[in-house]
Each structure stands twice: as C-alpha cells, then as structure tokens.
Amino acid sequence: MTALTLAVRDSATMTRRSLRHVLRYPVTLVVAVAVPVLVLLLFVGVFGALKASLGAHASYIDYVSPSSPSTGTPPRASSPGSAPWRSHPPRC
C-alpha cells in the first residue's frame, strides 16, 4: 500500500469514529458550536464596552471577528497593506 492509500484509509476511519461519537452524543456537537459563539459574545461585550469607555474609534467586533457579522465579508483596511485594527495611531 502506498502512503496516500494509508492516509486516506486512516482519515476515513477517524471520520467514521467521529461521526459515530456525534450520533451517540449529540450534545458534543451543540457544545462545540455554542462555546465559541458564547466566548465571542462575552469578549465583545466586555472588551467592547471597555474600548467604548476609552473613546476608541473603530468597532471592536471588526477587530475580533475575521469577517463582518452582518454581511460575512472581510473587513476593509483603511489603506493598502494595513490591517483594520491599525488604521488609527496608537494612543499613549
């Protein structure tokens, strides 16, 4: 057997085991989806309020999430080659 055949067979075995586990314990799938969403909402709520109280200009959700929550598109940088969270000079 070639290395590719063994890799495909091992991947299929692990996928089958994982799917079997999810079917037996569906709460695992719910927790795997819910925990990251809850952590994102927690950090946006806590640090977003902190950032707003400090008078920062950019939206914190644009900094935290890899895409815009409303459209699903990536955030735009202020100039070519710059990141959106670096569009304002640092506050000292």
C-alpha atoms as a PDB file:
ATOM      1  CA  MET A   1       0.000   0.000   0.000  1.00  0.00           C
ATOM      2  CA  THR A   2       1.143   3.498  -0.723  1.00  0.00           C
ATOM      3  CA  ALA A   3       1.357   6.275   1.807  1.00  0.00           C
ATOM      4  CA  LEU A   4      -1.575   8.041   0.159  1.00  0.00           C
ATOM      5  CA  THR A   5      -3.773   4.949   0.455  1.00  0.00           C
ATOM      6  CA  LEU A   6      -2.900   4.564   4.120  1.00  0.00           C
ATOM      7  CA  ALA A   7      -3.581   8.249   4.776  1.00  0.00           C
ATOM      8  CA  VAL A   8      -6.988   8.083   3.082  1.00  0.00           C
ATOM      9  CA  ARG A   9      -7.911   4.906   4.946  1.00  0.00           C
ATOM     10  CA  ASP A  10      -6.823   6.345   8.305  1.00  0.00           C
ATOM     11  CA  SER A  11      -8.721   9.580   7.612  1.00  0.00           C
ATOM     12  CA  ALA A  12     -11.851   7.628   6.731  1.00  0.00           C
ATOM     13  CA  THR A  13     -11.541   5.609   9.940  1.00  0.00           C
ATOM     14  CA  MET A  14     -11.163   8.716  12.099  1.00  0.00           C
ATOM     15  CA  THR A  15     -14.061  10.454  10.331  1.00  0.00           C
ATOM     16  CA  ARG A  16     -16.292   7.407  10.848  1.00  0.00           C
ATOM     17  CA  ARG A  17     -15.372   7.267  14.558  1.00  0.00           C
ATOM     18  CA  SER A  18     -16.023  10.964  14.984  1.00  0.00           C
ATOM     19  CA  LEU A  19     -19.413  10.792  13.269  1.00  0.00           C
ATOM     20  CA  ARG A  20     -20.377   7.768  15.345  1.00  0.00           C
ATOM     21  CA  HIS A  21     -19.478   9.671  18.504  1.00  0.00           C
ATOM     22  CA  VAL A  22     -21.567  12.687  17.431  1.00  0.00           C
ATOM     23  CA  LEU A  23     -24.556  10.442  16.692  1.00  0.00           C
ATOM     24  CA  ARG A  24     -24.301   8.797  20.118  1.00  0.00           C
ATOM     25  CA  TYR A  25     -23.701  12.058  21.998  1.00  0.00           C
ATOM     26  CA  PRO A  26     -25.285  14.955  20.086  1.00  0.00           C
ATOM     27  CA  VAL A  27     -24.611  17.357  22.956  1.00  0.00           C
ATOM     28  CA  THR A  28     -20.950  17.257  21.876  1.00  0.00           C
ATOM     29  CA  LEU A  29     -21.832  18.951  18.601  1.00  0.00           C
ATOM     30  CA  VAL A  30     -24.000  21.533  20.360  1.00  0.00           C
ATOM     31  CA  VAL A  31     -21.226  22.365  22.820  1.00  0.00           C
ATOM     32  CA  ALA A  32     -18.608  22.517  20.049  1.00  0.00           C
ATOM     33  CA  VAL A  33     -20.703  25.151  18.252  1.00  0.00           C
ATOM     34  CA  ALA A  34     -22.117  27.031  21.247  1.00  0.00           C
ATOM     35  CA  VAL A  35     -18.960  27.588  23.308  1.00  0.00           C
ATOM     36  CA  PRO A  36     -17.024  29.617  20.693  1.00  0.00           C
ATOM     37  CA  VAL A  37     -20.112  31.737  19.987  1.00  0.00           C
ATOM     38  CA  LEU A  38     -20.651  32.420  23.691  1.00  0.00           C
ATOM     39  CA  VAL A  39     -16.976  33.283  24.204  1.00  0.00           C
ATOM     40  CA  LEU A  40     -17.089  35.683  21.237  1.00  0.00           C
ATOM     41  CA  LEU A  41     -20.201  37.386  22.612  1.00  0.00           C
ATOM     42  CA  LEU A  42     -18.655  37.596  26.073  1.00  0.00           C
ATOM     43  CA  PHE A  43     -15.424  39.174  24.860  1.00  0.00           C
ATOM     44  CA  VAL A  44     -17.205  41.568  22.504  1.00  0.00           C
ATOM     45  CA  GLY A  45     -19.494  42.648  25.328  1.00  0.00           C
ATOM     46  CA  VAL A  46     -16.781  43.066  27.946  1.00  0.00           C
ATOM     47  CA  PHE A  47     -13.929  44.465  25.873  1.00  0.00           C
ATOM     48  CA  GLY A  48     -16.222  46.349  23.504  1.00  0.00           C
ATOM     49  CA  ALA A  49     -17.651  48.274  26.449  1.00  0.00           C
ATOM     50  CA  LEU A  50     -14.142  48.891  27.776  1.00  0.00           C
ATOM     51  CA  LYS A  51     -12.985  50.132  24.384  1.00  0.00           C
ATOM     52  CA  ALA A  52     -16.007  52.416  24.080  1.00  0.00           C
ATOM     53  CA  SER A  53     -15.344  53.859  27.520  1.00  0.00           C
ATOM     54  CA  LEU A  54     -11.774  54.653  26.459  1.00  0.00           C
ATOM     55  CA  GLY A  55     -13.050  56.545  23.414  1.00  0.00           C
ATOM     56  CA  ALA A  56     -11.598  54.339  20.681  1.00  0.00           C
ATOM     57  CA  HIS A  57     -12.762  54.936  17.125  1.00  0.00           C
ATOM     58  CA  ALA A  58     -13.047  51.522  15.425  1.00  0.00           C
ATOM     59  CA  SER A  59     -15.682  48.881  16.137  1.00  0.00           C
ATOM     60  CA  TYR A  60     -14.407  46.096  18.401  1.00  0.00           C
ATOM     61  CA  ILE A  61     -16.405  43.408  16.584  1.00  0.00           C
ATOM     62  CA  ASP A  62     -14.472  44.238  13.406  1.00  0.00           C
ATOM     63  CA  TYR A  63     -11.245  43.647  15.334  1.00  0.00           C
ATOM     64  CA  VAL A  64     -12.339  40.375  16.945  1.00  0.00           C
ATOM     65  CA  SER A  65     -14.177  38.595  14.150  1.00  0.00           C
ATOM     66  CA  PRO A  66     -12.483  37.626  10.887  1.00  0.00           C
ATOM     67  CA  SER A  67     -15.468  38.848   8.876  1.00  0.00           C
ATOM     68  CA  SER A  68     -18.230  41.365   9.191  1.00  0.00           C
ATOM     69  CA  PRO A  69     -21.064  39.838  11.252  1.00  0.00           C
ATOM     70  CA  SER A  70     -23.808  41.351   9.142  1.00  0.00           C
ATOM     71  CA  THR A  71     -22.541  40.627   5.627  1.00  0.00           C
ATOM     72  CA  GLY A  72     -19.999  37.853   6.077  1.00  0.00           C
ATOM     73  CA  THR A  73     -17.414  39.836   4.131  1.00  0.00           C
ATOM     74  CA  PRO A  74     -13.905  40.529   5.341  1.00  0.00           C
ATOM     75  CA  PRO A  75     -13.340  43.941   6.944  1.00  0.00           C
ATOM     76  CA  ARG A  76     -11.720  46.568   4.724  1.00  0.00           C
ATOM     77  CA  ALA A  77      -8.346  48.039   5.559  1.00  0.00           C
ATOM     78  CA  SER A  78      -8.003  51.803   5.631  1.00  0.00           C
ATOM     79  CA  SER A  79      -5.107  51.762   3.162  1.00  0.00           C
ATOM     80  CA  PRO A  80      -3.426  49.066   1.059  1.00  0.00           C
ATOM     81  CA  GLY A  81      -1.260  46.813   3.162  1.00  0.00           C
ATOM     82  CA  SER A  82      -2.656  47.860   6.527  1.00  0.00           C
ATOM     83  CA  ALA A  83      -4.878  45.964   8.909  1.00  0.00           C
ATOM     84  CA  PRO A  84      -8.224  47.462  10.041  1.00  0.00           C
ATOM     85  CA  TRP A  85      -7.210  47.470  13.704  1.00  0.00           C
ATOM     86  CA  ARG A  86      -4.105  49.506  12.857  1.00  0.00           C
ATOM     87  CA  SER A  87      -5.954  52.219  10.978  1.00  0.00           C
ATOM     88  CA  HIS A  88      -5.663  54.656  13.878  1.00  0.00           C
ATOM     89  CA  PRO A  89      -2.434  55.789  15.550  1.00  0.00           C
ATOM     90  CA  PRO A  90      -1.775  54.233  18.943  1.00  0.00           C
ATOM     91  CA  ARG A  91      -2.945  56.189  21.964  1.00  0.00           C
ATOM     92  CA  CYS A  92      -0.352  56.997  24.567  1.00  0.00           C
END
